[in-house]
Amino acid sequence: ALEAVLLRPQNERMDTGSAIEELYQSSFVEFIEIDETSKFINVPLVAFIFGHQKLEVSNLRHSIQLDTDLLQYFGATQTSGTQKGIHPRIRMLFSHVSTVINNDIDKYNEFQPILEYVCGEYPPAWLMLSDLCKEIGDIGFFEKAKEYARRLIARKPKLELQREGWSKLAKLSEITSDSSEEISALVGLCNLPDTSVDIVSNAINRVNLLLRSPSILDSSEKQIMLLDLIEVMESKYLEFDANDASRLSWLYLHVGNEIKAREWVNKGLTIDDTN
């Protein structure tokens, strides 16, 4: 949080790690470790009183107050509350920033480097930043929202976060009528391990709908992505219902393989001859 706050445009850059370590060695702060990668900084009462007295006569007090106001966007935390980790603090930050930006959209540029830094240190926050940009509603911010979803995916986070990232990118691409990227995102989603047949089938249904417009993808790109989807879908055959077989059949038609399309129609009717 401290390093993020110092990215406020008016601040000079400094080595916060060394500064915090010096404060720790001097017993001005204490560390509360949450896990191997994150810790909270606690200021003992005596150190707080000493620092407050120094601040009152400092010529930097107005600048420090601005930093403090921003730091308070993370919310107050009791020692007992640190066990919940940093996620609630970061969500609080984004909630406060959202309120400020809704009142003055030009403020976004001031917060952007701070929020991006937080996301770089805590990957789930890329989804929060993507949502923030989506809420603004301007077309340029929709593009930012997509970019932040891509940044999350590029970090290769935990599987559920990757799933959320691909799903969000697909939805944002649908909103911005970027059908090519939407299909690409749906393929990425389907290729994740342990993706359910329902998710894959619904994605294929959406792809089949988009492919009614023939100019969405060039032929080679289309062939590669659709064959990828076909491979994923066929691997889940034992979980199929007749609708799943129908959707797979349409995919085969889109790659020009009518023989396989007919084969899957027949398999679907074997599953349910009334479909």
Protein backbone atom coordinates (compact mmCIF):
# COMPACT_ATOMS: atom_id res chain seq x y z
CA ALA A 1 0.00 0.00 0.00
CA LEU A 2 2.79 2.42 0.88
CA GLU A 3 4.59 1.87 -2.42
CA ALA A 4 1.31 2.29 -4.30
CA VAL A 5 0.53 5.57 -2.55
CA LEU A 6 3.96 6.93 -3.46
CA LEU A 7 3.00 6.52 -7.13
CA ARG A 8 0.72 9.51 -6.71
CA PRO A 9 1.86 11.81 -9.58
CA GLN A 10 2.99 14.59 -7.23
CA ASN A 11 5.37 12.34 -5.28
CA GLU A 12 9.05 11.76 -5.85
CA ARG A 13 10.04 8.10 -6.18
CA MET A 14 11.89 6.49 -3.29
CA ASP A 15 13.00 3.07 -2.08
CA THR A 16 10.14 2.30 0.29
CA GLY A 17 11.51 -1.15 1.11
CA SER A 18 14.70 0.28 2.56
CA ALA A 19 12.78 3.04 4.35
CA ILE A 20 10.40 0.57 5.99
CA GLU A 21 13.28 -1.70 6.97
CA GLU A 22 15.02 1.25 8.63
CA LEU A 23 11.83 2.07 10.55
CA TYR A 24 11.57 -1.57 11.62
CA GLN A 25 15.18 -1.67 12.83
CA SER A 26 14.48 1.49 14.84
CA SER A 27 11.32 -0.08 16.36
CA PHE A 28 9.05 2.55 14.79
CA VAL A 29 6.98 -0.16 13.07
CA GLU A 30 6.15 -3.82 13.59
CA PHE A 31 5.43 -6.48 10.98
CA ILE A 32 2.40 -8.77 11.14
CA GLU A 33 3.01 -11.60 8.70
CA ILE A 34 -0.06 -12.99 6.91
CA ASP A 35 1.62 -15.51 4.63
CA GLU A 36 4.88 -16.01 2.76
CA THR A 37 4.24 -13.10 0.40
CA SER A 38 2.35 -10.44 2.38
CA LYS A 39 2.51 -8.68 5.72
CA PHE A 40 0.83 -5.77 7.50
CA ILE A 41 2.76 -2.90 9.07
CA ASN A 42 1.68 -1.84 12.54
CA VAL A 43 2.73 1.45 14.17
CA PRO A 44 3.05 1.20 17.98
CA LEU A 45 1.36 3.97 19.96
CA VAL A 46 4.63 5.54 21.16
CA ALA A 47 5.95 5.70 17.59
CA PHE A 48 2.65 7.17 16.37
CA ILE A 49 2.77 9.97 18.96
CA PHE A 50 6.41 10.74 18.13
CA GLY A 51 5.70 10.81 14.40
CA HIS A 52 2.63 12.99 14.85
CA GLN A 53 4.64 15.57 16.79
CA LYS A 54 7.30 15.65 14.08
CA LEU A 55 4.64 15.98 11.37
CA GLU A 56 3.09 19.07 12.94
CA VAL A 57 6.24 21.12 12.31
CA SER A 58 7.28 19.51 9.01
CA ASN A 59 7.14 21.52 5.79
CA LEU A 60 6.03 18.29 4.07
CA ARG A 61 2.93 17.87 6.25
CA HIS A 62 0.44 18.90 3.53
CA SER A 63 1.89 16.44 1.02
CA ILE A 64 2.02 13.74 3.69
CA GLN A 65 -1.62 14.42 4.54
CA LEU A 66 -2.59 13.77 0.91
CA ASP A 67 -0.69 10.49 1.01
CA THR A 68 -2.36 9.60 4.30
CA ASP A 69 -5.81 10.36 2.88
CA LEU A 70 -5.10 7.99 0.02
CA LEU A 71 -3.67 5.33 2.32
CA GLN A 72 -6.89 5.46 4.33
CA TYR A 73 -8.77 4.30 1.22
CA PHE A 74 -7.55 0.82 2.22
CA GLY A 75 -9.64 1.12 5.39
CA ALA A 76 -8.80 0.71 9.05
CA THR A 77 -7.74 -2.69 10.36
CA GLN A 78 -7.47 -4.06 13.86
CA THR A 79 -4.71 -6.59 14.54
CA SER A 80 -7.35 -9.33 14.73
CA GLY A 81 -8.62 -8.33 11.29
CA THR A 82 -5.31 -8.98 9.58
CA GLN A 83 -6.09 -12.72 9.51
CA LYS A 84 -8.57 -12.03 6.72
CA GLY A 85 -5.64 -11.06 4.53
CA ILE A 86 -5.32 -8.14 2.15
CA HIS A 87 -8.28 -8.90 -0.13
CA PRO A 88 -10.84 -6.90 1.93
CA ARG A 89 -8.40 -3.96 2.12
CA ILE A 90 -7.90 -3.90 -1.64
CA ARG A 91 -11.62 -4.22 -2.30
CA MET A 92 -12.12 -1.25 0.03
CA LEU A 93 -9.57 0.74 -1.98
CA PHE A 94 -11.39 0.08 -5.25
CA SER A 95 -14.73 0.92 -3.67
CA HIS A 96 -13.46 4.34 -2.53
CA VAL A 97 -11.80 5.05 -5.88
CA SER A 98 -15.01 4.09 -7.70
CA THR A 99 -16.94 6.66 -5.67
CA VAL A 100 -14.39 9.39 -6.41
CA ILE A 101 -14.26 8.61 -10.14
CA ASN A 102 -18.04 8.51 -10.48
CA ASN A 103 -18.05 12.10 -9.28
CA ASP A 104 -15.10 13.15 -11.45
CA ILE A 105 -14.01 10.81 -14.27
CA ASP A 106 -10.85 12.88 -14.87
CA LYS A 107 -9.57 11.62 -11.51
CA TYR A 108 -8.97 8.20 -13.08
CA ASN A 109 -5.58 9.22 -14.49
CA GLU A 110 -4.45 10.17 -11.00
CA PHE A 111 -5.37 6.77 -9.59
CA GLN A 112 -4.33 4.63 -12.56
CA PRO A 113 -0.63 4.08 -11.69
CA ILE A 114 -1.55 3.36 -8.07
CA LEU A 115 -4.21 0.82 -8.98
CA GLU A 116 -2.03 -0.85 -11.60
CA TYR A 117 0.77 -1.20 -9.06
CA VAL A 118 -1.62 -2.84 -6.58
CA CYS A 119 -2.77 -5.23 -9.31
CA GLY A 120 0.82 -6.13 -10.16
CA GLU A 121 1.40 -7.14 -6.55
CA TYR A 122 -2.00 -8.81 -6.07
CA PRO A 123 -3.25 -10.36 -9.36
CA PRO A 124 -6.95 -10.81 -8.36
CA ALA A 125 -7.17 -7.01 -8.30
CA TRP A 126 -6.91 -6.96 -12.13
CA LEU A 127 -10.52 -8.16 -12.14
CA MET A 128 -11.48 -5.31 -9.79
CA LEU A 129 -9.75 -2.78 -12.03
CA SER A 130 -11.44 -4.28 -15.09
CA ASP A 131 -14.82 -3.95 -13.35
CA LEU A 132 -14.03 -0.37 -12.36
CA CYS A 133 -13.35 0.60 -15.97
CA LYS A 134 -16.47 -1.23 -17.15
CA GLU A 135 -18.57 0.71 -14.62
CA ILE A 136 -17.36 4.01 -16.08
CA GLY A 137 -19.09 2.95 -19.29
CA ASP A 138 -17.11 4.99 -21.82
CA ILE A 139 -15.98 3.00 -24.89
CA GLY A 140 -12.34 3.83 -24.20
CA PHE A 141 -12.70 2.44 -20.69
CA PHE A 142 -14.24 -0.76 -22.04
CA GLU A 143 -11.00 -1.24 -23.96
CA LYS A 144 -9.04 -0.64 -20.75
CA ALA A 145 -11.26 -3.19 -19.00
CA LYS A 146 -10.39 -5.77 -21.67
CA GLU A 147 -6.69 -4.98 -21.36
CA TYR A 148 -6.79 -5.53 -17.60
CA ALA A 149 -8.53 -8.89 -18.08
CA ARG A 150 -5.71 -9.84 -20.49
CA ARG A 151 -3.09 -8.81 -17.95
CA LEU A 152 -4.62 -11.11 -15.36
CA ILE A 153 -4.67 -14.02 -17.81
CA ALA A 154 -1.06 -13.36 -18.78
CA ARG A 155 0.01 -13.76 -15.15
CA LYS A 156 -1.20 -17.40 -15.19
CA PRO A 157 -2.88 -17.14 -11.78
CA LYS A 158 -4.85 -19.88 -10.06
CA LEU A 159 -7.25 -21.78 -12.29
CA GLU A 160 -10.42 -20.11 -11.03
CA LEU A 161 -8.94 -16.66 -11.64
CA GLN A 162 -7.96 -17.68 -15.17
CA ARG A 163 -11.53 -18.85 -15.71
CA GLU A 164 -12.88 -15.53 -14.46
CA GLY A 165 -10.41 -13.64 -16.64
CA TRP A 166 -11.34 -15.47 -19.87
CA SER A 167 -15.06 -15.18 -19.07
CA LYS A 168 -14.76 -11.46 -18.40
CA LEU A 169 -12.76 -10.90 -21.59
CA ALA A 170 -15.38 -12.77 -23.60
CA LYS A 171 -18.23 -10.75 -22.08
CA LEU A 172 -16.46 -7.43 -22.59
CA SER A 173 -15.69 -8.39 -26.19
CA GLU A 174 -19.38 -9.14 -26.71
CA ILE A 175 -20.29 -5.70 -25.33
CA THR A 176 -17.78 -4.00 -27.66
CA SER A 177 -18.88 -6.15 -30.64
CA ASP A 178 -15.38 -7.54 -31.04
CA SER A 179 -16.48 -10.98 -32.23
CA SER A 180 -13.00 -12.18 -33.14
CA GLU A 181 -11.64 -11.54 -29.65
CA GLU A 182 -14.81 -12.95 -28.09
CA ILE A 183 -14.32 -16.25 -29.93
CA SER A 184 -10.63 -16.29 -28.98
CA ALA A 185 -11.56 -15.72 -25.32
CA LEU A 186 -14.16 -18.49 -25.41
CA VAL A 187 -11.58 -20.88 -26.86
CA GLY A 188 -9.16 -19.88 -24.08
CA LEU A 189 -11.87 -20.54 -21.50
CA CYS A 190 -12.71 -23.97 -22.92
CA ASN A 191 -9.06 -25.01 -22.98
CA LEU A 192 -8.62 -24.60 -19.24
CA PRO A 193 -8.32 -27.88 -17.31
CA ASP A 194 -11.48 -29.28 -15.72
CA THR A 195 -13.82 -26.98 -17.63
CA SER A 196 -17.31 -28.47 -17.41
CA VAL A 197 -19.17 -29.74 -20.47
CA ASP A 198 -21.88 -27.12 -19.85
CA ILE A 199 -19.37 -24.26 -20.08
CA VAL A 200 -17.81 -25.69 -23.24
CA SER A 201 -21.18 -26.41 -24.83
CA ASN A 202 -22.53 -22.93 -24.10
CA ALA A 203 -19.34 -21.39 -25.47
CA ILE A 204 -19.68 -23.44 -28.66
CA ASN A 205 -23.31 -22.38 -28.98
CA ARG A 206 -22.19 -18.74 -28.79
CA VAL A 207 -19.40 -19.35 -31.34
CA ASN A 208 -21.85 -21.00 -33.75
CA LEU A 209 -24.10 -17.95 -33.43
CA LEU A 210 -21.23 -15.53 -34.10
CA LEU A 211 -20.07 -17.51 -37.13
CA ARG A 212 -23.31 -16.72 -38.93
CA SER A 213 -21.39 -13.59 -39.97
CA PRO A 214 -18.79 -15.03 -42.40
CA SER A 215 -16.27 -12.19 -42.21
CA ILE A 216 -15.47 -12.50 -38.48
CA LEU A 217 -12.33 -14.65 -38.87
CA ASP A 218 -9.97 -15.35 -41.74
CA SER A 219 -10.10 -18.96 -42.91
CA SER A 220 -6.84 -20.18 -41.33
CA GLU A 221 -7.53 -18.55 -37.95
CA LYS A 222 -11.07 -19.91 -37.99
CA GLN A 223 -9.89 -23.44 -38.78
CA ILE A 224 -7.32 -23.52 -35.97
CA MET A 225 -9.66 -22.18 -33.28
CA LEU A 226 -12.64 -24.31 -34.25
CA LEU A 227 -10.61 -27.49 -34.45
CA ASP A 228 -9.32 -26.64 -30.99
CA LEU A 229 -12.90 -26.34 -29.71
CA ILE A 230 -13.91 -29.56 -31.45
CA GLU A 231 -11.08 -31.47 -29.75
CA VAL A 232 -12.08 -30.16 -26.32
CA MET A 233 -15.77 -30.91 -26.88
CA GLU A 234 -15.23 -34.42 -28.25
CA SER A 235 -13.15 -35.30 -25.17
CA LYS A 236 -16.31 -34.78 -23.08
CA TYR A 237 -18.52 -37.07 -25.16
CA LEU A 238 -19.50 -39.31 -22.24
CA GLU A 239 -21.16 -36.29 -20.58
CA PHE A 240 -23.11 -35.22 -23.69
CA ASP A 241 -26.81 -34.72 -24.16
CA ALA A 242 -28.38 -34.40 -27.62
CA ASN A 243 -28.05 -30.60 -27.65
CA ASP A 244 -24.30 -30.88 -27.05
CA ALA A 245 -24.02 -33.25 -30.02
CA SER A 246 -25.99 -30.80 -32.17
CA ARG A 247 -23.69 -27.92 -31.27
CA LEU A 248 -20.63 -30.02 -32.08
CA SER A 249 -22.22 -30.95 -35.40
CA TRP A 250 -22.60 -27.25 -36.28
CA LEU A 251 -18.93 -26.68 -35.47
CA TYR A 252 -18.00 -29.41 -37.95
CA LEU A 253 -20.13 -27.72 -40.59
CA HIS A 254 -18.26 -24.47 -39.94
CA VAL A 255 -14.94 -26.20 -40.69
CA GLY A 256 -16.42 -27.82 -43.79
CA ASN A 257 -16.61 -31.41 -42.56
CA GLU A 258 -20.15 -32.54 -43.37
CA ILE A 259 -19.37 -36.22 -42.81
CA LYS A 260 -18.44 -35.63 -39.14
CA ALA A 261 -21.38 -33.25 -38.78
CA ARG A 262 -23.79 -35.99 -39.87
CA GLU A 263 -22.03 -38.46 -37.58
CA TRP A 264 -22.65 -36.26 -34.54
CA VAL A 265 -26.26 -35.62 -35.56
CA ASN A 266 -26.79 -39.40 -35.55
CA LYS A 267 -25.05 -39.76 -32.18
CA GLY A 268 -27.27 -37.00 -30.78
CA LEU A 269 -30.39 -38.82 -32.00
CA THR A 270 -29.07 -42.01 -30.43
CA ILE A 271 -28.92 -40.17 -27.12
CA ASP A 272 -32.43 -38.70 -27.60
CA ASP A 273 -34.39 -39.66 -30.71
CA THR A 274 -37.04 -37.01 -29.95
CA ASN A 275 -34.56 -34.09 -29.97
